[in-house]
PDB file of N, CA and C in Angstrom:
ATOM      1  N   MET A   1      -9.785  79.718  39.111  1.00  0.00           N
ATOM      2  CA  MET A   1      -9.537  81.114  38.584  1.00  0.00           C
ATOM      3  C   MET A   1      -9.385  82.108  39.817  1.00  0.00           C
ATOM      4  N   ALA A   2     -10.360  81.944  40.781  1.00  0.00           N
ATOM      5  CA  ALA A   2     -10.269  82.826  41.974  1.00  0.00           C
ATOM      6  C   ALA A   2      -9.068  82.671  42.703  1.00  0.00           C
ATOM      7  N   ASP A   3      -8.413  81.581  42.731  1.00  0.00           N
ATOM      8  CA  ASP A   3      -7.171  81.432  43.436  1.00  0.00           C
ATOM      9  C   ASP A   3      -6.042  82.219  42.909  1.00  0.00           C
ATOM     10  N   MET A   4      -6.033  82.570  41.689  1.00  0.00           N
ATOM     11  CA  MET A   4      -5.148  83.276  41.002  1.00  0.00           C
ATOM     12  C   MET A   4      -4.971  84.724  41.481  1.00  0.00           C
ATOM     13  N   SER A   5      -6.141  85.335  41.634  1.00  0.00           N
ATOM     14  CA  SER A   5      -6.283  86.785  42.014  1.00  0.00           C
ATOM     15  C   SER A   5      -5.448  87.276  43.132  1.00  0.00           C
ATOM     16  N   PRO A   6      -5.421  86.476  44.285  1.00  0.00           N
ATOM     17  CA  PRO A   6      -4.590  86.961  45.380  1.00  0.00           C
ATOM     18  C   PRO A   6      -3.191  86.983  45.023  1.00  0.00           C
ATOM     19  N   MET A   7      -2.696  85.961  44.230  1.00  0.00           N
ATOM     20  CA  MET A   7      -1.300  85.767  43.928  1.00  0.00           C
ATOM     21  C   MET A   7      -1.004  87.106  43.142  1.00  0.00           C
ATOM     22  N   PHE A   8      -1.741  87.337  42.104  1.00  0.00           N
ATOM     23  CA  PHE A   8      -1.442  88.549  41.259  1.00  0.00           C
ATOM     24  C   PHE A   8      -1.465  89.837  42.215  1.00  0.00           C
ATOM     25  N   ARG A   9      -2.309  89.879  42.985  1.00  0.00           N
ATOM     26  CA  ARG A   9      -2.451  91.142  43.838  1.00  0.00           C
ATOM     27  C   ARG A   9      -1.127  91.270  44.765  1.00  0.00           C
ATOM     28  N   ARG A  10      -0.806  90.144  45.182  1.00  0.00           N
ATOM     29  CA  ARG A  10       0.379  90.076  46.083  1.00  0.00           C
ATOM     30  C   ARG A  10       1.758  90.433  45.256  1.00  0.00           C
ATOM     31  N   LYS A  11       1.744  89.987  44.067  1.00  0.00           N
ATOM     32  CA  LYS A  11       2.992  90.301  43.265  1.00  0.00           C
ATOM     33  C   LYS A  11       2.939  91.735  42.894  1.00  0.00           C
ATOM     34  N   ALA A  12       1.855  92.344  42.571  1.00  0.00           N
ATOM     35  CA  ALA A  12       1.648  93.671  42.271  1.00  0.00           C
ATOM     36  C   ALA A  12       2.118  94.690  43.460  1.00  0.00           C
ATOM     37  N   SER A  13       1.679  94.194  44.708  1.00  0.00           N
ATOM     38  CA  SER A  13       1.973  95.079  45.859  1.00  0.00           C
ATOM     39  C   SER A  13       3.499  95.003  46.197  1.00  0.00           C
ATOM     40  N   GLN A  14       4.187  93.869  45.673  1.00  0.00           N
ATOM     41  CA  GLN A  14       5.535  93.801  46.127  1.00  0.00           C
ATOM     42  C   GLN A  14       6.364  94.764  45.111  1.00  0.00           C
ATOM     43  N   GLU A  15       5.682  95.132  44.080  1.00  0.00           N
ATOM     44  CA  GLU A  15       6.406  95.984  43.047  1.00  0.00           C
ATOM     45  C   GLU A  15       6.136  97.477  43.312  1.00  0.00           C
ATOM     46  N   ARG A  16       5.216  97.650  44.405  1.00  0.00           N
ATOM     47  CA  ARG A  16       4.881  99.143  44.689  1.00  0.00           C
ATOM     48  C   ARG A  16       5.853  99.630  45.726  1.00  0.00           C
ATOM     49  N   LEU A  17       5.937 100.971  45.855  1.00  0.00           N
ATOM     50  CA  LEU A  17       6.905 101.519  46.979  1.00  0.00           C
ATOM     51  C   LEU A  17       6.201 102.799  47.463  1.00  0.00           C
ATOM     52  N   VAL A  18       6.136 103.035  48.698  1.00  0.00           N
ATOM     53  CA  VAL A  18       5.578 104.152  49.311  1.00  0.00           C
ATOM     54  C   VAL A  18       6.758 104.926  49.949  1.00  0.00           C
ATOM     55  N   THR A  19       6.789 106.192  49.783  1.00  0.00           N
ATOM     56  CA  THR A  19       8.000 107.117  50.308  1.00  0.00           C
ATOM     57  C   THR A  19       7.253 108.132  51.158  1.00  0.00           C
ATOM     58  N   LEU A  20       7.813 108.143  52.411  1.00  0.00           N
ATOM     59  CA  LEU A  20       7.215 109.236  53.261  1.00  0.00           C
ATOM     60  C   LEU A  20       8.373 110.351  53.394  1.00  0.00           C
ATOM     61  N   ILE A  21       8.084 111.514  52.943  1.00  0.00           N
ATOM     62  CA  ILE A  21       9.103 112.513  53.134  1.00  0.00           C
ATOM     63  C   ILE A  21       8.790 113.372  54.297  1.00  0.00           C
ATOM     64  N   ARG A  22       9.805 113.433  55.264  1.00  0.00           N
ATOM     65  CA  ARG A  22       9.302 114.018  56.493  1.00  0.00           C
ATOM     66  C   ARG A  22      10.581 114.756  57.145  1.00  0.00           C
ATOM     67  N   LYS A  23      10.342 115.473  58.213  1.00  0.00           N
ATOM     68  CA  LYS A  23      11.424 116.047  58.983  1.00  0.00           C
ATOM     69  C   LYS A  23      11.350 115.809  60.491  1.00  0.00           C
ATOM     70  N   PRO A  24      12.575 115.776  61.176  1.00  0.00           N
ATOM     71  CA  PRO A  24      12.422 115.601  62.554  1.00  0.00           C
ATOM     72  C   PRO A  24      11.488 116.538  63.366  1.00  0.00           C
ATOM     73  N   GLY A  25      10.851 116.103  64.492  1.00  0.00           N
ATOM     74  CA  GLY A  25       9.991 116.803  65.234  1.00  0.00           C
ATOM     75  C   GLY A  25       8.721 117.494  64.692  1.00  0.00           C
ATOM     76  N   CYS A  26       8.268 116.848  63.573  1.00  0.00           N
ATOM     77  CA  CYS A  26       7.075 117.091  62.851  1.00  0.00           C
ATOM     78  C   CYS A  26       5.918 116.310  63.390  1.00  0.00           C
ATOM     79  N   HIS A  27       4.966 116.782  64.115  1.00  0.00           N
ATOM     80  CA  HIS A  27       3.842 115.928  64.474  1.00  0.00           C
ATOM     81  C   HIS A  27       2.950 115.459  63.362  1.00  0.00           C
ATOM     82  N   LEU A  28       2.694 116.198  62.274  1.00  0.00           N
ATOM     83  CA  LEU A  28       1.934 115.841  61.137  1.00  0.00           C
ATOM     84  C   LEU A  28       2.745 114.575  60.445  1.00  0.00           C
ATOM     85  N   CYS A  29       4.063 114.689  60.475  1.00  0.00           N
ATOM     86  CA  CYS A  29       4.886 113.708  59.851  1.00  0.00           C
ATOM     87  C   CYS A  29       4.693 112.320  60.704  1.00  0.00           C
ATOM     88  N   ASP A  30       4.650 112.442  61.988  1.00  0.00           N
ATOM     89  CA  ASP A  30       4.337 111.211  62.998  1.00  0.00           C
ATOM     90  C   ASP A  30       2.995 110.529  62.636  1.00  0.00           C
ATOM     91  N   ASP A  31       2.122 111.487  62.459  1.00  0.00           N
ATOM     92  CA  ASP A  31       0.662 111.035  62.134  1.00  0.00           C
ATOM     93  C   ASP A  31       0.633 110.294  60.765  1.00  0.00           C
ATOM     94  N   ALA A  32       1.341 110.835  59.827  1.00  0.00           N
ATOM     95  CA  ALA A  32       1.389 110.282  58.532  1.00  0.00           C
ATOM     96  C   ALA A  32       2.042 108.973  58.549  1.00  0.00           C
ATOM     97  N   GLN A  33       3.217 108.866  59.361  1.00  0.00           N
ATOM     98  CA  GLN A  33       3.956 107.682  59.326  1.00  0.00           C
ATOM     99  C   GLN A  33       3.023 106.574  60.070  1.00  0.00           C
ATOM    100  N   GLN A  34       2.244 106.807  60.933  1.00  0.00           N
ATOM    101  CA  GLN A  34       1.299 105.830  61.549  1.00  0.00           C
ATOM    102  C   GLN A  34       0.433 105.233  60.407  1.00  0.00           C
ATOM    103  N   VAL A  35      -0.107 106.070  59.529  1.00  0.00           N
ATOM    104  CA  VAL A  35      -1.057 105.711  58.476  1.00  0.00           C
ATOM    105  C   VAL A  35      -0.349 104.923  57.483  1.00  0.00           C
ATOM    106  N   VAL A  36       0.847 105.418  57.047  1.00  0.00           N
ATOM    107  CA  VAL A  36       1.703 104.686  56.082  1.00  0.00           C
ATOM    108  C   VAL A  36       1.957 103.270  56.652  1.00  0.00           C
ATOM    109  N   GLU A  37       2.259 103.204  57.799  1.00  0.00           N
ATOM    110  CA  GLU A  37       2.736 101.919  58.398  1.00  0.00           C
ATOM    111  C   GLU A  37       1.508 100.995  58.500  1.00  0.00           C
ATOM    112  N   LYS A  38       0.573 101.410  58.910  1.00  0.00           N
ATOM    113  CA  LYS A  38      -0.777 100.546  59.043  1.00  0.00           C
ATOM    114  C   LYS A  38      -1.155 100.143  57.557  1.00  0.00           C
ATOM    115  N   VAL A  39      -1.285 101.017  56.599  1.00  0.00           N
ATOM    116  CA  VAL A  39      -1.798 100.611  55.283  1.00  0.00           C
ATOM    117  C   VAL A  39      -0.793  99.763  54.584  1.00  0.00           C
ATOM    118  N   CYS A  40       0.383 100.014  54.581  1.00  0.00           N
ATOM    119  CA  CYS A  40       1.573  99.276  53.999  1.00  0.00           C
ATOM    120  C   CYS A  40       1.732  97.952  54.665  1.00  0.00           C
ATOM    121  N   GLY A  41       1.504  98.013  55.871  1.00  0.00           N
ATOM    122  CA  GLY A  41       1.624  96.620  56.759  1.00  0.00           C
ATOM    123  C   GLY A  41       0.487  95.607  56.241  1.00  0.00           C
ATOM    124  N   ASP A  42      -0.765  96.296  56.318  1.00  0.00           N
ATOM    125  CA  ASP A  42      -2.037  95.476  55.857  1.00  0.00           C
ATOM    126  C   ASP A  42      -1.846  94.981  54.461  1.00  0.00           C
ATOM    127  N   LEU A  43      -1.324  95.731  53.488  1.00  0.00           N
ATOM    128  CA  LEU A  43      -1.193  95.376  52.159  1.00  0.00           C
ATOM    129  C   LEU A  43       0.110  94.696  51.690  1.00  0.00           C
ATOM    130  N   GLY A  44       1.130  94.590  52.566  1.00  0.00           N
ATOM    131  CA  GLY A  44       2.326  94.019  52.264  1.00  0.00           C
ATOM    132  C   GLY A  44       3.174  94.819  51.350  1.00  0.00           C
ATOM    133  N   VAL A  45       2.942  96.077  51.332  1.00  0.00           N
ATOM    134  CA  VAL A  45       3.658  97.063  50.402  1.00  0.00           C
ATOM    135  C   VAL A  45       4.873  97.567  51.081  1.00  0.00           C
ATOM    136  N   PRO A  46       6.118  97.732  50.471  1.00  0.00           N
ATOM    137  CA  PRO A  46       7.182  98.291  51.338  1.00  0.00           C
ATOM    138  C   PRO A  46       7.116  99.644  51.267  1.00  0.00           C
ATOM    139  N   TRP A  47       7.711 100.237  52.210  1.00  0.00           N
ATOM    140  CA  TRP A  47       7.811 101.821  52.371  1.00  0.00           C
ATOM    141  C   TRP A  47       9.031 102.324  52.860  1.00  0.00           C
ATOM    142  N   GLU A  48       9.424 103.486  52.596  1.00  0.00           N
ATOM    143  CA  GLU A  48      10.631 104.026  53.077  1.00  0.00           C
ATOM    144  C   GLU A  48      10.365 105.483  53.569  1.00  0.00           C
ATOM    145  N   GLN A  49      11.304 106.085  54.310  1.00  0.00           N
ATOM    146  CA  GLN A  49      11.084 107.329  54.748  1.00  0.00           C
ATOM    147  C   GLN A  49      12.502 108.171  54.414  1.00  0.00           C
ATOM    148  N   LYS A  50      12.203 109.502  54.038  1.00  0.00           N
ATOM    149  CA  LYS A  50      13.393 110.314  53.691  1.00  0.00           C
ATOM    150  C   LYS A  50      13.284 111.619  54.509  1.00  0.00           C
ATOM    151  N   ASP A  51      14.245 112.064  54.979  1.00  0.00           N
ATOM    152  CA  ASP A  51      14.375 113.271  55.805  1.00  0.00           C
ATOM    153  C   ASP A  51      14.764 114.365  54.988  1.00  0.00           C
ATOM    154  N   ILE A  52      13.876 115.374  54.846  1.00  0.00           N
ATOM    155  CA  ILE A  52      14.118 116.503  53.908  1.00  0.00           C
ATOM    156  C   ILE A  52      15.490 117.522  54.510  1.00  0.00           C
ATOM    157  N   THR A  53      15.666 117.264  55.824  1.00  0.00           N
ATOM    158  CA  THR A  53      16.885 118.086  56.274  1.00  0.00           C
ATOM    159  C   THR A  53      18.149 117.366  55.826  1.00  0.00           C
ATOM    160  N   GLU A  54      18.065 116.187  55.290  1.00  0.00           N
ATOM    161  CA  GLU A  54      19.466 115.606  54.672  1.00  0.00           C
ATOM    162  C   GLU A  54      19.360 115.505  53.245  1.00  0.00           C
ATOM    163  N   ASP A  55      18.415 116.168  52.651  1.00  0.00           N
ATOM    164  CA  ASP A  55      18.528 116.096  51.214  1.00  0.00           C
ATOM    165  C   ASP A  55      18.037 117.415  50.513  1.00  0.00           C
ATOM    166  N   GLU A  56      18.997 118.140  50.019  1.00  0.00           N
ATOM    167  CA  GLU A  56      18.688 119.509  49.730  1.00  0.00           C
ATOM    168  C   GLU A  56      17.632 119.589  48.591  1.00  0.00           C
ATOM    169  N   ALA A  57      17.657 118.628  47.545  1.00  0.00           N
ATOM    170  CA  ALA A  57      16.716 118.620  46.417  1.00  0.00           C
ATOM    171  C   ALA A  57      15.177 118.411  47.078  1.00  0.00           C
ATOM    172  N   LEU A  58      15.115 117.502  48.080  1.00  0.00           N
ATOM    173  CA  LEU A  58      13.861 117.134  48.491  1.00  0.00           C
ATOM    174  C   LEU A  58      13.287 118.357  49.351  1.00  0.00           C
ATOM    175  N   HIS A  59      14.331 118.993  50.144  1.00  0.00           N
ATOM    176  CA  HIS A  59      14.059 120.130  50.914  1.00  0.00           C
ATOM    177  C   HIS A  59      13.542 121.287  49.965  1.00  0.00           C
ATOM    178  N   ARG A  60      14.038 121.592  48.899  1.00  0.00           N
ATOM    179  CA  ARG A  60      13.608 122.660  48.003  1.00  0.00           C
ATOM    180  C   ARG A  60      12.210 122.349  47.385  1.00  0.00           C
ATOM    181  N   GLU A  61      12.058 121.099  47.038  1.00  0.00           N
ATOM    182  CA  GLU A  61      10.785 120.818  46.272  1.00  0.00           C
ATOM    183  C   GLU A  61       9.663 120.649  47.336  1.00  0.00           C
ATOM    184  N   TYR A  62       9.734 120.051  48.517  1.00  0.00           N
ATOM    185  CA  TYR A  62       8.692 119.743  49.480  1.00  0.00           C
ATOM    186  C   TYR A  62       8.512 120.627  50.648  1.00  0.00           C
ATOM    187  N   TRP A  63       9.506 121.463  51.022  1.00  0.00           N
ATOM    188  CA  TRP A  63       9.647 122.052  52.320  1.00  0.00           C
ATOM    189  C   TRP A  63       8.350 122.513  52.955  1.00  0.00           C
ATOM    190  N   GLU A  64       7.361 123.183  51.932  1.00  0.00           N
ATOM    191  CA  GLU A  64       6.136 123.804  52.542  1.00  0.00           C
ATOM    192  C   GLU A  64       5.040 122.745  52.485  1.00  0.00           C
ATOM    193  N   GLN A  65       5.150 121.484  52.130  1.00  0.00           N
ATOM    194  CA  GLN A  65       4.259 120.540  51.866  1.00  0.00           C
ATOM    195  C   GLN A  65       4.397 119.244  52.922  1.00  0.00           C
ATOM    196  N   ILE A  66       5.499 119.191  53.650  1.00  0.00           N
ATOM    197  CA  ILE A  66       5.725 117.998  54.397  1.00  0.00           C
ATOM    198  C   ILE A  66       4.593 117.741  55.428  1.00  0.00           C
ATOM    199  N   PRO A  67       4.257 116.589  55.907  1.00  0.00           N
ATOM    200  CA  PRO A  67       4.864 115.490  55.042  1.00  0.00           C
ATOM    201  C   PRO A  67       4.268 115.109  53.785  1.00  0.00           C
ATOM    202  N   VAL A  68       5.064 114.570  52.970  1.00  0.00           N
ATOM    203  CA  VAL A  68       4.659 114.177  51.635  1.00  0.00           C
ATOM    204  C   VAL A  68       4.724 112.705  51.519  1.00  0.00           C
ATOM    205  N   VAL A  69       3.730 112.239  50.836  1.00  0.00           N
ATOM    206  CA  VAL A  69       3.576 110.849  50.534  1.00  0.00           C
ATOM    207  C   VAL A  69       3.826 110.593  48.982  1.00  0.00           C
ATOM    208  N   LEU A  70       4.727 109.780  48.650  1.00  0.00           N
ATOM    209  CA  LEU A  70       4.868 109.358  47.135  1.00  0.00           C
ATOM    210  C   LEU A  70       4.422 107.924  46.912  1.00  0.00           C
ATOM    211  N   VAL A  71       3.797 107.556  45.811  1.00  0.00           N
ATOM    212  CA  VAL A  71       3.493 106.233  45.644  1.00  0.00           C
ATOM    213  C   VAL A  71       4.317 105.960  44.363  1.00  0.00           C
ATOM    214  N   ASP A  72       5.146 105.111  44.296  1.00  0.00           N
ATOM    215  CA  ASP A  72       5.843 104.617  43.147  1.00  0.00           C
ATOM    216  C   ASP A  72       6.552 105.821  42.449  1.00  0.00           C
ATOM    217  N   GLY A  73       6.934 106.833  43.387  1.00  0.00           N
ATOM    218  CA  GLY A  73       7.739 107.934  42.936  1.00  0.00           C
ATOM    219  C   GLY A  73       6.897 109.206  42.576  1.00  0.00           C
ATOM    220  N   ALA A  74       5.604 108.972  42.458  1.00  0.00           N
ATOM    221  CA  ALA A  74       4.784 110.152  42.137  1.00  0.00           C
ATOM    222  C   ALA A  74       4.080 110.622  43.447  1.00  0.00           C
ATOM    223  N   GLN A  75       3.879 111.992  43.487  1.00  0.00           N
ATOM    224  CA  GLN A  75       3.143 112.432  44.709  1.00  0.00           C
ATOM    225  C   GLN A  75       1.879 112.162  44.942  1.00  0.00           C
ATOM    226  N   HIS A  76       1.386 111.571  46.022  1.00  0.00           N
ATOM    227  CA  HIS A  76       0.073 111.013  46.288  1.00  0.00           C
ATOM    228  C   HIS A  76      -0.540 112.153  47.149  1.00  0.00           C
ATOM    229  N   THR A  77       0.080 112.600  48.134  1.00  0.00           N
ATOM    230  CA  THR A  77      -0.630 113.546  48.991  1.00  0.00           C
ATOM    231  C   THR A  77       0.425 114.325  49.948  1.00  0.00           C
ATOM    232  N   PHE A  78      -0.039 115.385  50.622  1.00  0.00           N
ATOM    233  CA  PHE A  78       0.771 115.974  51.427  1.00  0.00           C
ATOM    234  C   PHE A  78      -0.013 116.545  52.644  1.00  0.00           C
ATOM    235  N   TRP A  79       0.736 116.901  53.715  1.00  0.00           N
ATOM    236  CA  TRP A  79       0.147 117.289  55.057  1.00  0.00           C
ATOM    237  C   TRP A  79      -0.634 116.218  55.951  1.00  0.00           C
ATOM    238  N   ARG A  80      -1.843 115.713  55.347  1.00  0.00           N
ATOM    239  CA  ARG A  80      -2.421 114.814  56.121  1.00  0.00           C
ATOM    240  C   ARG A  80      -2.704 113.672  55.204  1.00  0.00           C
ATOM    241  N   VAL A  81      -2.639 112.461  55.597  1.00  0.00           N
ATOM    242  CA  VAL A  81      -2.617 111.282  54.779  1.00  0.00           C
ATOM    243  C   VAL A  81      -3.965 110.501  55.142  1.00  0.00           C
ATOM    244  N   ASP A  82      -4.756 110.455  54.158  1.00  0.00           N
ATOM    245  CA  ASP A  82      -6.117 109.804  54.372  1.00  0.00           C
ATOM    246  C   ASP A  82      -5.960 108.214  54.064  1.00  0.00           C
ATOM    247  N   GLU A  83      -6.221 107.423  55.111  1.00  0.00           N
ATOM    248  CA  GLU A  83      -5.933 105.949  55.057  1.00  0.00           C
ATOM    249  C   GLU A  83      -6.728 105.284  53.995  1.00  0.00           C
ATOM    250  N   GLU A  84      -7.899 105.704  53.691  1.00  0.00           N
ATOM    251  CA  GLU A  84      -8.811 104.953  52.656  1.00  0.00           C
ATOM    252  C   GLU A  84      -8.142 105.356  51.305  1.00  0.00           C
ATOM    253  N   ARG A  85      -7.772 106.637  51.094  1.00  0.00           N
ATOM    254  CA  ARG A  85      -7.406 107.114  49.841  1.00  0.00           C
ATOM    255  C   ARG A  85      -5.989 106.426  49.513  1.00  0.00           C
ATOM    256  N   LEU A  86      -5.099 106.257  50.536  1.00  0.00           N
ATOM    257  CA  LEU A  86      -3.847 105.576  50.240  1.00  0.00           C
ATOM    258  C   LEU A  86      -4.044 104.061  50.028  1.00  0.00           C
ATOM    259  N   ARG A  87      -4.985 103.382  50.694  1.00  0.00           N
ATOM    260  CA  ARG A  87      -5.182 102.126  50.442  1.00  0.00           C
ATOM    261  C   ARG A  87      -5.743 101.819  49.018  1.00  0.00           C
ATOM    262  N   LYS A  88      -6.576 102.710  48.620  1.00  0.00           N
ATOM    263  CA  LYS A  88      -7.134 102.690  47.183  1.00  0.00           C
ATOM    264  C   LYS A  88      -6.125 102.810  46.193  1.00  0.00           C
ATOM    265  N   ALA A  89      -5.222 103.762  46.346  1.00  0.00           N
ATOM    266  CA  ALA A  89      -4.101 104.092  45.485  1.00  0.00           C
ATOM    267  C   ALA A  89      -3.162 102.712  45.467  1.00  0.00           C
ATOM    268  N   LEU A  90      -2.996 101.900  46.510  1.00  0.00           N
ATOM    269  CA  LEU A  90      -2.149 100.745  46.524  1.00  0.00           C
ATOM    270  C   LEU A  90      -2.874  99.458  45.923  1.00  0.00           C
ATOM    271  N   THR A  91      -4.138  99.525  45.649  1.00  0.00           N
ATOM    272  CA  THR A  91      -4.765  98.248  45.461  1.00  0.00           C
ATOM    273  C   THR A  91      -5.271  98.448  43.996  1.00  0.00           C
ATOM    274  N   ARG A  92      -5.020  99.447  43.361  1.00  0.00           N
ATOM    275  CA  ARG A  92      -5.566  99.644  41.817  1.00  0.00           C
ATOM    276  C   ARG A  92      -4.826  98.804  41.099  1.00  0.00           C
TER     277      ARG A  92
END
């Protein structure tokens, strides 16, 4: 039975998606990207980044909060990304 757990966990992580919303030249965005890359890499969770300067809707919604991290399309955090909090959100 214990052998099945990692398989289910791996399957679940492949269905997750982390989105980093950022802008060019943003040091907090660079810091957030390092955390997202590390956590997603460790857990095998795909991630993407979106540039708010190229998307008017994202710009209107998130301009004062960037960087913003979405987990499965829902806002997880903004400004500073806490590695352990993101890890917990992705392993629930």
